[in-house]
Amino acid sequence: MDKDVATTTFPIWKNAGPSTIDKPTIEKETRAEEDLDLPWQVVVHNDPVNLMSYVTMVFQRVFGYPREKAEKHMLEVHHNGRSVLWSGMRERAELYVQQLHGYLLLATLEKAG
């Protein structure tokens, strides 16, 4: 061999072929039918920020409540710290909670019962 030439050797891998990669596991969120069928409650909690007139207006807009019913729920929130505004199917309840959050009200979703 020539002294001025560098030689590099590479190891030879046995059975060197394309590597195999496991297929990714796809997990789906599944909800039990009983979870979907149970009534869900939209609950609004008291906060020290929003005016009572504003909360009443939001209840009228989101739920279509007449002023008297919206005021009743607003006063329940004010005096008791929370009020159940609606009960029914989960998807609709989730939408209501999201809308109430859009008006910056503290709302949660709970299983009825």
PDB file of N, CA and C in Angstrom:
ATOM      1  N   MET A   1       0.835  -1.184   0.000  1.00  0.00           N
ATOM      2  CA  MET A   1       0.000   0.000   0.000  1.00  0.00           C
ATOM      3  C   MET A   1       0.862   1.222   0.000  1.00  0.00           C
ATOM      4  N   ASP A   2       0.309   2.230  -0.580  1.00  0.00           N
ATOM      5  CA  ASP A   2       1.012   3.503  -0.675  1.00  0.00           C
ATOM      6  C   ASP A   2       0.894   4.227   0.661  1.00  0.00           C
ATOM      7  N   LYS A   3       1.982   4.792   1.148  1.00  0.00           N
ATOM      8  CA  LYS A   3       1.983   5.462   2.437  1.00  0.00           C
ATOM      9  C   LYS A   3       1.157   6.735   2.426  1.00  0.00           C
ATOM     10  N   ASP A   4       1.000   7.377   1.282  1.00  0.00           N
ATOM     11  CA  ASP A   4       0.276   8.641   1.215  1.00  0.00           C
ATOM     12  C   ASP A   4      -1.238   8.465   1.084  1.00  0.00           C
ATOM     13  N   VAL A   5      -1.719   7.252   0.984  1.00  0.00           N
ATOM     14  CA  VAL A   5      -3.141   7.004   0.796  1.00  0.00           C
ATOM     15  C   VAL A   5      -3.735   6.491   2.107  1.00  0.00           C
ATOM     16  N   ALA A   6      -4.770   7.170   2.563  1.00  0.00           N
ATOM     17  CA  ALA A   6      -5.441   6.743   3.792  1.00  0.00           C
ATOM     18  C   ALA A   6      -6.522   5.735   3.438  1.00  0.00           C
ATOM     19  N   THR A   7      -6.648   4.737   4.254  1.00  0.00           N
ATOM     20  CA  THR A   7      -7.644   3.715   4.012  1.00  0.00           C
ATOM     21  C   THR A   7      -8.626   3.714   5.187  1.00  0.00           C
ATOM     22  N   THR A   8      -9.899   3.726   4.851  1.00  0.00           N
ATOM     23  CA  THR A   8     -10.937   3.667   5.871  1.00  0.00           C
ATOM     24  C   THR A   8     -11.695   2.378   5.684  1.00  0.00           C
ATOM     25  N   THR A   9     -11.897   1.679   6.770  1.00  0.00           N
ATOM     26  CA  THR A   9     -12.666   0.443   6.680  1.00  0.00           C
ATOM     27  C   THR A   9     -13.988   0.636   7.410  1.00  0.00           C
ATOM     28  N   PHE A  10     -15.021   0.040   6.863  1.00  0.00           N
ATOM     29  CA  PHE A  10     -16.355   0.102   7.456  1.00  0.00           C
ATOM     30  C   PHE A  10     -16.756  -1.311   7.856  1.00  0.00           C
ATOM     31  N   PRO A  11     -17.398  -1.452   9.007  1.00  0.00           N
ATOM     32  CA  PRO A  11     -17.831  -2.809   9.384  1.00  0.00           C
ATOM     33  C   PRO A  11     -18.923  -3.292   8.442  1.00  0.00           C
ATOM     34  N   ILE A  12     -18.966  -4.552   8.201  1.00  0.00           N
ATOM     35  CA  ILE A  12     -19.993  -5.136   7.360  1.00  0.00           C
ATOM     36  C   ILE A  12     -21.035  -5.734   8.299  1.00  0.00           C
ATOM     37  N   TRP A  13     -22.272  -5.231   8.183  1.00  0.00           N
ATOM     38  CA  TRP A  13     -23.354  -5.696   9.041  1.00  0.00           C
ATOM     39  C   TRP A  13     -23.983  -6.928   8.418  1.00  0.00           C
ATOM     40  N   LYS A  14     -24.176  -7.919   9.215  1.00  0.00           N
ATOM     41  CA  LYS A  14     -24.828  -9.122   8.712  1.00  0.00           C
ATOM     42  C   LYS A  14     -26.301  -8.825   8.508  1.00  0.00           C
ATOM     43  N   ASN A  15     -26.836  -9.322   7.446  1.00  0.00           N
ATOM     44  CA  ASN A  15     -28.246  -9.143   7.112  1.00  0.00           C
ATOM     45  C   ASN A  15     -28.631  -7.669   7.074  1.00  0.00           C
ATOM     46  N   ALA A  16     -27.715  -6.860   6.605  1.00  0.00           N
ATOM     47  CA  ALA A  16     -28.007  -5.434   6.532  1.00  0.00           C
ATOM     48  C   ALA A  16     -29.004  -5.205   5.417  1.00  0.00           C
ATOM     49  N   GLY A  17     -30.195  -4.910   5.794  1.00  0.00           N
ATOM     50  CA  GLY A  17     -31.251  -4.631   4.840  1.00  0.00           C
ATOM     51  C   GLY A  17     -32.078  -3.491   5.402  1.00  0.00           C
ATOM     52  N   PRO A  18     -33.159  -3.216   4.784  1.00  0.00           N
ATOM     53  CA  PRO A  18     -33.975  -2.121   5.309  1.00  0.00           C
ATOM     54  C   PRO A  18     -34.454  -2.466   6.726  1.00  0.00           C
ATOM     55  N   SER A  19     -34.360  -1.491   7.606  1.00  0.00           N
ATOM     56  CA  SER A  19     -34.795  -1.733   8.979  1.00  0.00           C
ATOM     57  C   SER A  19     -36.318  -1.760   9.020  1.00  0.00           C
ATOM     58  N   THR A  20     -36.831  -2.497   9.951  1.00  0.00           N
ATOM     59  CA  THR A  20     -38.281  -2.570  10.073  1.00  0.00           C
ATOM     60  C   THR A  20     -38.721  -1.686  11.228  1.00  0.00           C
ATOM     61  N   ILE A  21     -39.756  -0.941  10.982  1.00  0.00           N
ATOM     62  CA  ILE A  21     -40.305  -0.052  11.991  1.00  0.00           C
ATOM     63  C   ILE A  21     -41.725  -0.509  12.268  1.00  0.00           C
ATOM     64  N   ASP A  22     -42.034  -0.624  13.538  1.00  0.00           N
ATOM     65  CA  ASP A  22     -43.388  -1.031  13.906  1.00  0.00           C
ATOM     66  C   ASP A  22     -44.378   0.022  13.444  1.00  0.00           C
ATOM     67  N   LYS A  23     -45.542  -0.451  13.064  1.00  0.00           N
ATOM     68  CA  LYS A  23     -46.599   0.475  12.671  1.00  0.00           C
ATOM     69  C   LYS A  23     -47.022   1.277  13.893  1.00  0.00           C
ATOM     70  N   PRO A  24     -47.317   2.549  13.703  1.00  0.00           N
ATOM     71  CA  PRO A  24     -47.740   3.346  14.864  1.00  0.00           C
ATOM     72  C   PRO A  24     -49.080   2.855  15.395  1.00  0.00           C
ATOM     73  N   THR A  25     -49.221   2.965  16.672  1.00  0.00           N
ATOM     74  CA  THR A  25     -50.478   2.588  17.308  1.00  0.00           C
ATOM     75  C   THR A  25     -51.378   3.804  17.321  1.00  0.00           C
ATOM     76  N   ILE A  26     -52.544   3.658  16.781  1.00  0.00           N
ATOM     77  CA  ILE A  26     -53.492   4.761  16.751  1.00  0.00           C
ATOM     78  C   ILE A  26     -54.532   4.503  17.827  1.00  0.00           C
ATOM     79  N   GLU A  27     -54.599   5.434  18.760  1.00  0.00           N
ATOM     80  CA  GLU A  27     -55.558   5.282  19.841  1.00  0.00           C
ATOM     81  C   GLU A  27     -56.702   6.241  19.607  1.00  0.00           C
ATOM     82  N   LYS A  28     -57.897   5.736  19.727  1.00  0.00           N
ATOM     83  CA  LYS A  28     -59.084   6.563  19.575  1.00  0.00           C
ATOM     84  C   LYS A  28     -59.686   6.806  20.936  1.00  0.00           C
ATOM     85  N   GLU A  29     -60.154   8.035  21.128  1.00  0.00           N
ATOM     86  CA  GLU A  29     -60.877   8.311  22.360  1.00  0.00           C
ATOM     87  C   GLU A  29     -62.253   7.711  22.205  1.00  0.00           C
ATOM     88  N   THR A  30     -62.581   6.853  23.098  1.00  0.00           N
ATOM     89  CA  THR A  30     -63.906   6.251  23.045  1.00  0.00           C
ATOM     90  C   THR A  30     -64.631   6.596  24.322  1.00  0.00           C
ATOM     91  N   ARG A  31     -65.845   6.967  24.158  1.00  0.00           N
ATOM     92  CA  ARG A  31     -66.675   7.268  25.310  1.00  0.00           C
ATOM     93  C   ARG A  31     -67.715   6.171  25.426  1.00  0.00           C
ATOM     94  N   ALA A  32     -67.894   5.724  26.613  1.00  0.00           N
ATOM     95  CA  ALA A  32     -68.916   4.705  26.834  1.00  0.00           C
ATOM     96  C   ALA A  32     -70.271   5.298  26.481  1.00  0.00           C
ATOM     97  N   GLU A  33     -71.136   4.471  25.957  1.00  0.00           N
ATOM     98  CA  GLU A  33     -72.454   4.964  25.571  1.00  0.00           C
ATOM     99  C   GLU A  33     -73.181   5.571  26.747  1.00  0.00           C
ATOM    100  N   GLU A  34     -72.940   5.022  27.927  1.00  0.00           N
ATOM    101  CA  GLU A  34     -73.615   5.569  29.100  1.00  0.00           C
ATOM    102  C   GLU A  34     -73.150   6.992  29.377  1.00  0.00           C
ATOM    103  N   ASP A  35     -71.862   7.298  29.088  1.00  0.00           N
ATOM    104  CA  ASP A  35     -71.364   8.657  29.274  1.00  0.00           C
ATOM    105  C   ASP A  35     -72.026   9.614  28.298  1.00  0.00           C
ATOM    106  N   LEU A  36     -72.284   9.145  27.091  1.00  0.00           N
ATOM    107  CA  LEU A  36     -72.905  10.008  26.097  1.00  0.00           C
ATOM    108  C   LEU A  36     -74.388  10.208  26.388  1.00  0.00           C
ATOM    109  N   ASP A  37     -75.035   9.176  26.919  1.00  0.00           N
ATOM    110  CA  ASP A  37     -76.467   9.249  27.142  1.00  0.00           C
ATOM    111  C   ASP A  37     -76.857   9.941  28.443  1.00  0.00           C
ATOM    112  N   LEU A  38     -75.949   9.945  29.400  1.00  0.00           N
ATOM    113  CA  LEU A  38     -76.268  10.579  30.674  1.00  0.00           C
ATOM    114  C   LEU A  38     -76.552  12.052  30.465  1.00  0.00           C
ATOM    115  N   PRO A  39     -77.453  12.603  31.237  1.00  0.00           N
ATOM    116  CA  PRO A  39     -77.604  14.055  31.159  1.00  0.00           C
ATOM    117  C   PRO A  39     -76.372  14.740  31.746  1.00  0.00           C
ATOM    118  N   TRP A  40     -75.983  15.800  31.115  1.00  0.00           N
ATOM    119  CA  TRP A  40     -74.852  16.611  31.567  1.00  0.00           C
ATOM    120  C   TRP A  40     -75.389  17.977  31.948  1.00  0.00           C
ATOM    121  N   GLN A  41     -74.759  18.590  32.923  1.00  0.00           N
ATOM    122  CA  GLN A  41     -75.204  19.886  33.403  1.00  0.00           C
ATOM    123  C   GLN A  41     -74.181  20.969  33.077  1.00  0.00           C
ATOM    124  N   VAL A  42     -74.687  22.106  32.670  1.00  0.00           N
ATOM    125  CA  VAL A  42     -73.858  23.300  32.482  1.00  0.00           C
ATOM    126  C   VAL A  42     -74.005  24.118  33.757  1.00  0.00           C
ATOM    127  N   VAL A  43     -72.881  24.303  34.446  1.00  0.00           N
ATOM    128  CA  VAL A  43     -72.887  25.007  35.721  1.00  0.00           C
ATOM    129  C   VAL A  43     -72.061  26.286  35.572  1.00  0.00           C
ATOM    130  N   VAL A  44     -72.636  27.397  36.029  1.00  0.00           N
ATOM    131  CA  VAL A  44     -71.900  28.662  36.058  1.00  0.00           C
ATOM    132  C   VAL A  44     -71.565  28.962  37.510  1.00  0.00           C
ATOM    133  N   HIS A  45     -70.321  29.372  37.720  1.00  0.00           N
ATOM    134  CA  HIS A  45     -69.823  29.648  39.065  1.00  0.00           C
ATOM    135  C   HIS A  45     -69.656  31.156  39.255  1.00  0.00           C
ATOM    136  N   ASN A  46     -69.749  31.571  40.503  1.00  0.00           N
ATOM    137  CA  ASN A  46     -69.626  32.986  40.836  1.00  0.00           C
ATOM    138  C   ASN A  46     -68.200  33.474  40.592  1.00  0.00           C
ATOM    139  N   ASP A  47     -68.082  34.693  40.152  1.00  0.00           N
ATOM    140  CA  ASP A  47     -66.779  35.333  40.033  1.00  0.00           C
ATOM    141  C   ASP A  47     -66.925  36.785  40.490  1.00  0.00           C
ATOM    142  N   PRO A  48     -65.862  37.388  40.980  1.00  0.00           N
ATOM    143  CA  PRO A  48     -65.950  38.755  41.496  1.00  0.00           C
ATOM    144  C   PRO A  48     -65.792  39.831  40.414  1.00  0.00           C
ATOM    145  N   VAL A  49     -65.756  39.435  39.161  1.00  0.00           N
ATOM    146  CA  VAL A  49     -65.418  40.375  38.093  1.00  0.00           C
ATOM    147  C   VAL A  49     -66.638  40.910  37.352  1.00  0.00           C
ATOM    148  N   ASN A  50     -67.516  40.024  36.914  1.00  0.00           N
ATOM    149  CA  ASN A  50     -68.602  40.422  36.013  1.00  0.00           C
ATOM    150  C   ASN A  50     -69.781  41.044  36.752  1.00  0.00           C
ATOM    151  N   LEU A  51     -70.337  42.069  36.130  1.00  0.00           N
ATOM    152  CA  LEU A  51     -71.520  42.725  36.677  1.00  0.00           C
ATOM    153  C   LEU A  51     -72.729  41.804  36.547  1.00  0.00           C
ATOM    154  N   MET A  52     -73.657  41.940  37.475  1.00  0.00           N
ATOM    155  CA  MET A  52     -74.858  41.103  37.445  1.00  0.00           C
ATOM    156  C   MET A  52     -75.659  41.335  36.163  1.00  0.00           C
ATOM    157  N   SER A  53     -75.733  42.571  35.701  1.00  0.00           N
ATOM    158  CA  SER A  53     -76.473  42.858  34.469  1.00  0.00           C
ATOM    159  C   SER A  53     -75.810  42.185  33.263  1.00  0.00           C
ATOM    160  N   TYR A  54     -74.480  42.122  33.263  1.00  0.00           N
ATOM    161  CA  TYR A  54     -73.756  41.466  32.179  1.00  0.00           C
ATOM    162  C   TYR A  54     -74.044  39.960  32.184  1.00  0.00           C
ATOM    163  N   VAL A  55     -73.993  39.336  33.360  1.00  0.00           N
ATOM    164  CA  VAL A  55     -74.247  37.895  33.473  1.00  0.00           C
ATOM    165  C   VAL A  55     -75.664  37.570  33.010  1.00  0.00           C
ATOM    166  N   THR A  56     -76.627  38.406  33.401  1.00  0.00           N
ATOM    167  CA  THR A  56     -78.017  38.215  32.966  1.00  0.00           C
ATOM    168  C   THR A  56     -78.110  38.275  31.443  1.00  0.00           C
ATOM    169  N   MET A  57     -77.454  39.259  30.855  1.00  0.00           N
ATOM    170  CA  MET A  57     -77.468  39.410  29.393  1.00  0.00           C
ATOM    171  C   MET A  57     -76.850  38.186  28.698  1.00  0.00           C
ATOM    172  N   VAL A  58     -75.761  37.656  29.241  1.00  0.00           N
ATOM    173  CA  VAL A  58     -75.114  36.479  28.651  1.00  0.00           C
ATOM    174  C   VAL A  58     -76.054  35.276  28.696  1.00  0.00           C
ATOM    175  N   PHE A  59     -76.730  35.072  29.816  1.00  0.00           N
ATOM    176  CA  PHE A  59     -77.671  33.949  29.924  1.00  0.00           C
ATOM    177  C   PHE A  59     -78.800  34.086  28.896  1.00  0.00           C
ATOM    178  N   GLN A  60     -79.242  35.303  28.655  1.00  0.00           N
ATOM    179  CA  GLN A  60     -80.288  35.527  27.656  1.00  0.00           C
ATOM    180  C   GLN A  60     -79.768  35.201  26.254  1.00  0.00           C
ATOM    181  N   ARG A  61     -78.559  35.636  25.957  1.00  0.00           N
ATOM    182  CA  ARG A  61     -78.001  35.412  24.614  1.00  0.00           C
ATOM    183  C   ARG A  61     -77.673  33.951  24.358  1.00  0.00           C
ATOM    184  N   VAL A  62     -77.009  33.308  25.306  1.00  0.00           N
ATOM    185  CA  VAL A  62     -76.536  31.930  25.093  1.00  0.00           C
ATOM    186  C   VAL A  62     -77.690  30.937  25.137  1.00  0.00           C
ATOM    187  N   PHE A  63     -78.582  31.075  26.126  1.00  0.00           N
ATOM    188  CA  PHE A  63     -79.643  30.087  26.315  1.00  0.00           C
ATOM    189  C   PHE A  63     -80.997  30.538  25.788  1.00  0.00           C
ATOM    190  N   GLY A  64     -81.109  31.802  25.408  1.00  0.00           N
ATOM    191  CA  GLY A  64     -82.389  32.314  24.929  1.00  0.00           C
ATOM    192  C   GLY A  64     -83.415  32.474  26.046  1.00  0.00           C
ATOM    193  N   TYR A  65     -82.927  32.596  27.270  1.00  0.00           N
ATOM    194  CA  TYR A  65     -83.827  32.734  28.410  1.00  0.00           C
ATOM    195  C   TYR A  65     -84.478  34.117  28.418  1.00  0.00           C
ATOM    196  N   PRO A  66     -85.735  34.193  28.862  1.00  0.00           N
ATOM    197  CA  PRO A  66     -86.336  35.508  29.090  1.00  0.00           C
ATOM    198  C   PRO A  66     -85.604  36.183  30.266  1.00  0.00           C
ATOM    199  N   ARG A  67     -85.715  37.500  30.353  1.00  0.00           N
ATOM    200  CA  ARG A  67     -84.959  38.252  31.351  1.00  0.00           C
ATOM    201  C   ARG A  67     -85.202  37.737  32.778  1.00  0.00           C
ATOM    202  N   GLU A  68     -86.448  37.401  33.102  1.00  0.00           N
ATOM    203  CA  GLU A  68     -86.770  36.958  34.449  1.00  0.00           C
ATOM    204  C   GLU A  68     -86.037  35.661  34.818  1.00  0.00           C
ATOM    205  N   LYS A  69     -86.007  34.709  33.893  1.00  0.00           N
ATOM    206  CA  LYS A  69     -85.327  33.434  34.151  1.00  0.00           C
ATOM    207  C   LYS A  69     -83.811  33.648  34.225  1.00  0.00           C
ATOM    208  N   ALA A  70     -83.271  34.489  33.354  1.00  0.00           N
ATOM    209  CA  ALA A  70     -81.838  34.788  33.369  1.00  0.00           C
ATOM    210  C   ALA A  70     -81.448  35.460  34.690  1.00  0.00           C
ATOM    211  N   GLU A  71     -82.291  36.380  35.169  1.00  0.00           N
ATOM    212  CA  GLU A  71     -82.018  37.050  36.444  1.00  0.00           C
ATOM    213  C   GLU A  71     -82.080  36.059  37.610  1.00  0.00           C
ATOM    214  N   LYS A  72     -83.035  35.130  37.562  1.00  0.00           N
ATOM    215  CA  LYS A  72     -83.154  34.119  38.611  1.00  0.00           C
ATOM    216  C   LYS A  72     -81.858  33.311  38.716  1.00  0.00           C
ATOM    217  N   HIS A  73     -81.324  32.878  37.573  1.00  0.00           N
ATOM    218  CA  HIS A  73     -80.071  32.117  37.573  1.00  0.00           C
ATOM    219  C   HIS A  73     -78.896  32.988  38.017  1.00  0.00           C
ATOM    220  N   MET A  74     -78.873  34.230  37.576  1.00  0.00           N
ATOM    221  CA  MET A  74     -77.798  35.136  37.974  1.00  0.00           C
ATOM    222  C   MET A  74     -77.790  35.308  39.491  1.00  0.00           C
ATOM    223  N   LEU A  75     -78.967  35.489  40.091  1.00  0.00           N
ATOM    224  CA  LEU A  75     -79.047  35.664  41.545  1.00  0.00           C
ATOM    225  C   LEU A  75     -78.656  34.373  42.275  1.00  0.00           C
ATOM    226  N   GLU A  76     -78.989  33.220  41.703  1.00  0.00           N
ATOM    227  CA  GLU A  76     -78.581  31.946  42.291  1.00  0.00           C
ATOM    228  C   GLU A  76     -77.050  31.831  42.291  1.00  0.00           C
ATOM    229  N   VAL A  77     -76.432  32.227  41.189  1.00  0.00           N
ATOM    230  CA  VAL A  77     -74.969  32.229  41.113  1.00  0.00           C
ATOM    231  C   VAL A  77     -74.404  33.179  42.169  1.00  0.00           C
ATOM    232  N   HIS A  78     -74.996  34.364  42.265  1.00  0.00           N
ATOM    233  CA  HIS A  78     -74.503  35.396  43.185  1.00  0.00           C
ATOM    234  C   HIS A  78     -74.627  34.956  44.647  1.00  0.00           C
ATOM    235  N   HIS A  79     -75.746  34.369  45.012  1.00  0.00           N
ATOM    236  CA  HIS A  79     -75.991  34.007  46.408  1.00  0.00           C
ATOM    237  C   HIS A  79     -75.446  32.632  46.795  1.00  0.00           C
ATOM    238  N   ASN A  80     -75.524  31.669  45.885  1.00  0.00           N
ATOM    239  CA  ASN A  80     -75.132  30.291  46.204  1.00  0.00           C
ATOM    240  C   ASN A  80     -73.762  29.903  45.639  1.00  0.00           C
ATOM    241  N   GLY A  81     -73.185  30.763  44.805  1.00  0.00           N
ATOM    242  CA  GLY A  81     -71.872  30.465  44.235  1.00  0.00           C
ATOM    243  C   GLY A  81     -71.910  29.675  42.941  1.00  0.00           C
ATOM    244  N   ARG A  82     -73.095  29.181  42.573  1.00  0.00           N
ATOM    245  CA  ARG A  82     -73.219  28.415  41.331  1.00  0.00           C
ATOM    246  C   ARG A  82     -74.687  28.231  40.978  1.00  0.00           C
ATOM    247  N   SER A  83     -74.928  27.939  39.692  1.00  0.00           N
ATOM    248  CA  SER A  83     -76.273  27.654  39.229  1.00  0.00           C
ATOM    249  C   SER A  83     -76.194  26.689  38.053  1.00  0.00           C
ATOM    250  N   VAL A  84     -77.078  25.701  38.049  1.00  0.00           N
ATOM    251  CA  VAL A  84     -77.186  24.782  36.913  1.00  0.00           C
ATOM    252  C   VAL A  84     -78.106  25.460  35.901  1.00  0.00           C
ATOM    253  N   LEU A  85     -77.535  25.827  34.753  1.00  0.00           N
ATOM    254  CA  LEU A  85     -78.290  26.567  33.753  1.00  0.00           C
ATOM    255  C   LEU A  85     -78.970  25.691  32.722  1.00  0.00           C
ATOM    256  N   TRP A  86     -78.431  24.506  32.494  1.00  0.00           N
ATOM    257  CA  TRP A  86     -78.982  23.653  31.440  1.00  0.00           C
ATOM    258  C   TRP A  86     -78.562  22.226  31.724  1.00  0.00           C
ATOM    259  N   SER A  87     -79.379  21.270  31.297  1.00  0.00           N
ATOM    260  CA  SER A  87     -79.072  19.859  31.442  1.00  0.00           C
ATOM    261  C   SER A  87     -79.516  19.136  30.177  1.00  0.00           C
ATOM    262  N   GLY A  88     -78.653  18.241  29.664  1.00  0.00           N
ATOM    263  CA  GLY A  88     -78.998  17.506  28.453  1.00  0.00           C
ATOM    264  C   GLY A  88     -77.806  16.750  27.899  1.00  0.00           C
ATOM    265  N   MET A  89     -77.805  16.548  26.588  1.00  0.00           N
ATOM    266  CA  MET A  89     -76.762  15.772  25.917  1.00  0.00           C
ATOM    267  C   MET A  89     -75.403  16.469  26.015  1.00  0.00           C
ATOM    268  N   ARG A  90     -74.357  15.654  26.092  1.00  0.00           N
ATOM    269  CA  ARG A  90     -73.004  16.155  26.350  1.00  0.00           C
ATOM    270  C   ARG A  90     -72.521  17.140  25.291  1.00  0.00           C
ATOM    271  N   GLU A  91     -72.713  16.837  24.024  1.00  0.00           N
ATOM    272  CA  GLU A  91     -72.177  17.722  22.984  1.00  0.00           C
ATOM    273  C   GLU A  91     -72.767  19.121  23.071  1.00  0.00           C
ATOM    274  N   ARG A  92     -74.060  19.211  23.282  1.00  0.00           N
ATOM    275  CA  ARG A  92     -74.705  20.522  23.411  1.00  0.00           C
ATOM    276  C   ARG A  92     -74.182  21.230  24.661  1.00  0.00           C
ATOM    277  N   ALA A  93     -74.029  20.474  25.753  1.00  0.00           N
ATOM    278  CA  ALA A  93     -73.513  21.048  26.996  1.00  0.00           C
ATOM    279  C   ALA A  93     -72.101  21.586  26.811  1.00  0.00           C
ATOM    280  N   GLU A  94     -71.271  20.846  26.081  1.00  0.00           N
ATOM    281  CA  GLU A  94     -69.910  21.311  25.800  1.00  0.00           C
ATOM    282  C   GLU A  94     -69.931  22.620  25.011  1.00  0.00           C
ATOM    283  N   LEU A  95     -70.850  22.719  24.054  1.00  0.00           N
ATOM    284  CA  LEU A  95     -70.982  23.939  23.269  1.00  0.00           C
ATOM    285  C   LEU A  95     -71.378  25.111  24.161  1.00  0.00           C
ATOM    286  N   TYR A  96     -72.349  24.909  25.046  1.00  0.00           N
ATOM    287  CA  TYR A  96     -72.765  25.974  25.958  1.00  0.00           C
ATOM    288  C   TYR A  96     -71.611  26.433  26.848  1.00  0.00           C
ATOM    289  N   VAL A  97     -70.847  25.489  27.383  1.00  0.00           N
ATOM    290  CA  VAL A  97     -69.712  25.846  28.235  1.00  0.00           C
ATOM    291  C   VAL A  97     -68.701  26.677  27.444  1.00  0.00           C
ATOM    292  N   GLN A  98     -68.440  26.255  26.218  1.00  0.00           N
ATOM    293  CA  GLN A  98     -67.497  26.994  25.366  1.00  0.00           C
ATOM    294  C   GLN A  98     -68.009  28.411  25.091  1.00  0.00           C
ATOM    295  N   GLN A  99     -69.288  28.550  24.825  1.00  0.00           N
ATOM    296  CA  GLN A  99     -69.860  29.875  24.579  1.00  0.00           C
ATOM    297  C   GLN A  99     -69.754  30.748  25.825  1.00  0.00           C
ATOM    298  N   LEU A 100     -70.046  30.181  26.985  1.00  0.00           N
ATOM    299  CA  LEU A 100     -69.945  30.950  28.228  1.00  0.00           C
ATOM    300  C   LEU A 100     -68.507  31.379  28.491  1.00  0.00           C
ATOM    301  N   HIS A 101     -67.549  30.531  28.183  1.00  0.00           N
ATOM    302  CA  HIS A 101     -66.141  30.908  28.311  1.00  0.00           C
ATOM    303  C   HIS A 101     -65.811  32.064  27.375  1.00  0.00           C
ATOM    304  N   GLY A 102     -66.433  32.072  26.191  1.00  0.00           N
ATOM    305  CA  GLY A 102     -66.219  33.171  25.250  1.00  0.00           C
ATOM    306  C   GLY A 102     -66.673  34.508  25.815  1.00  0.00           C
ATOM    307  N   TYR A 103     -67.641  34.482  26.726  1.00  0.00           N
ATOM    308  CA  TYR A 103     -68.100  35.694  27.414  1.00  0.00           C
ATOM    309  C   TYR A 103     -67.357  35.901  28.734  1.00  0.00           C
ATOM    310  N   LEU A 104     -66.313  35.103  28.953  1.00  0.00           N
ATOM    311  CA  LEU A 104     -65.449  35.191  30.137  1.00  0.00           C
ATOM    312  C   LEU A 104     -66.169  34.862  31.443  1.00  0.00           C
ATOM    313  N   LEU A 105     -67.141  33.962  31.362  1.00  0.00           N
ATOM    314  CA  LEU A 105     -67.790  33.459  32.572  1.00  0.00           C
ATOM    315  C   LEU A 105     -67.157  32.128  32.951  1.00  0.00           C
ATOM    316  N   LEU A 106     -67.117  31.852  34.240  1.00  0.00           N
ATOM    317  CA  LEU A 106     -66.568  30.603  34.732  1.00  0.00           C
ATOM    318  C   LEU A 106     -67.665  29.535  34.696  1.00  0.00           C
ATOM    319  N   ALA A 107     -67.553  28.613  33.748  1.00  0.00           N
ATOM    320  CA  ALA A 107     -68.578  27.581  33.558  1.00  0.00           C
ATOM    321  C   ALA A 107     -67.907  26.221  33.488  1.00  0.00           C
ATOM    322  N   THR A 108     -68.602  25.204  33.988  1.00  0.00           N
ATOM    323  CA  THR A 108     -68.093  23.843  33.945  1.00  0.00           C
ATOM    324  C   THR A 108     -69.174  22.894  33.464  1.00  0.00           C
ATOM    325  N   LEU A 109     -68.738  21.700  33.131  1.00  0.00           N
ATOM    326  CA  LEU A 109     -69.615  20.628  32.662  1.00  0.00           C
ATOM    327  C   LEU A 109     -69.567  19.524  33.711  1.00  0.00           C
ATOM    328  N   GLU A 110     -70.726  19.075  34.166  1.00  0.00           N
ATOM    329  CA  GLU A 110     -70.783  18.029  35.185  1.00  0.00           C
ATOM    330  C   GLU A 110     -71.808  16.969  34.785  1.00  0.00           C
ATOM    331  N   LYS A 111     -71.529  15.731  35.213  1.00  0.00           N
ATOM    332  CA  LYS A 111     -72.527  14.674  35.023  1.00  0.00           C
ATOM    333  C   LYS A 111     -73.690  14.941  35.951  1.00  0.00           C
ATOM    334  N   ALA A 112     -74.870  14.791  35.432  1.00  0.00           N
ATOM    335  CA  ALA A 112     -76.061  14.966  36.268  1.00  0.00           C
ATOM    336  C   ALA A 112     -76.240  13.744  37.147  1.00  0.00           C
ATOM    337  N   GLY A 113     -76.794  13.954  38.308  1.00  0.00           N
ATOM    338  CA  GLY A 113     -77.105  12.798  39.136  1.00  0.00           C
ATOM    339  C   GLY A 113     -76.315  12.769  40.318  1.00  0.00           C
TER     340      GLY A 113
END
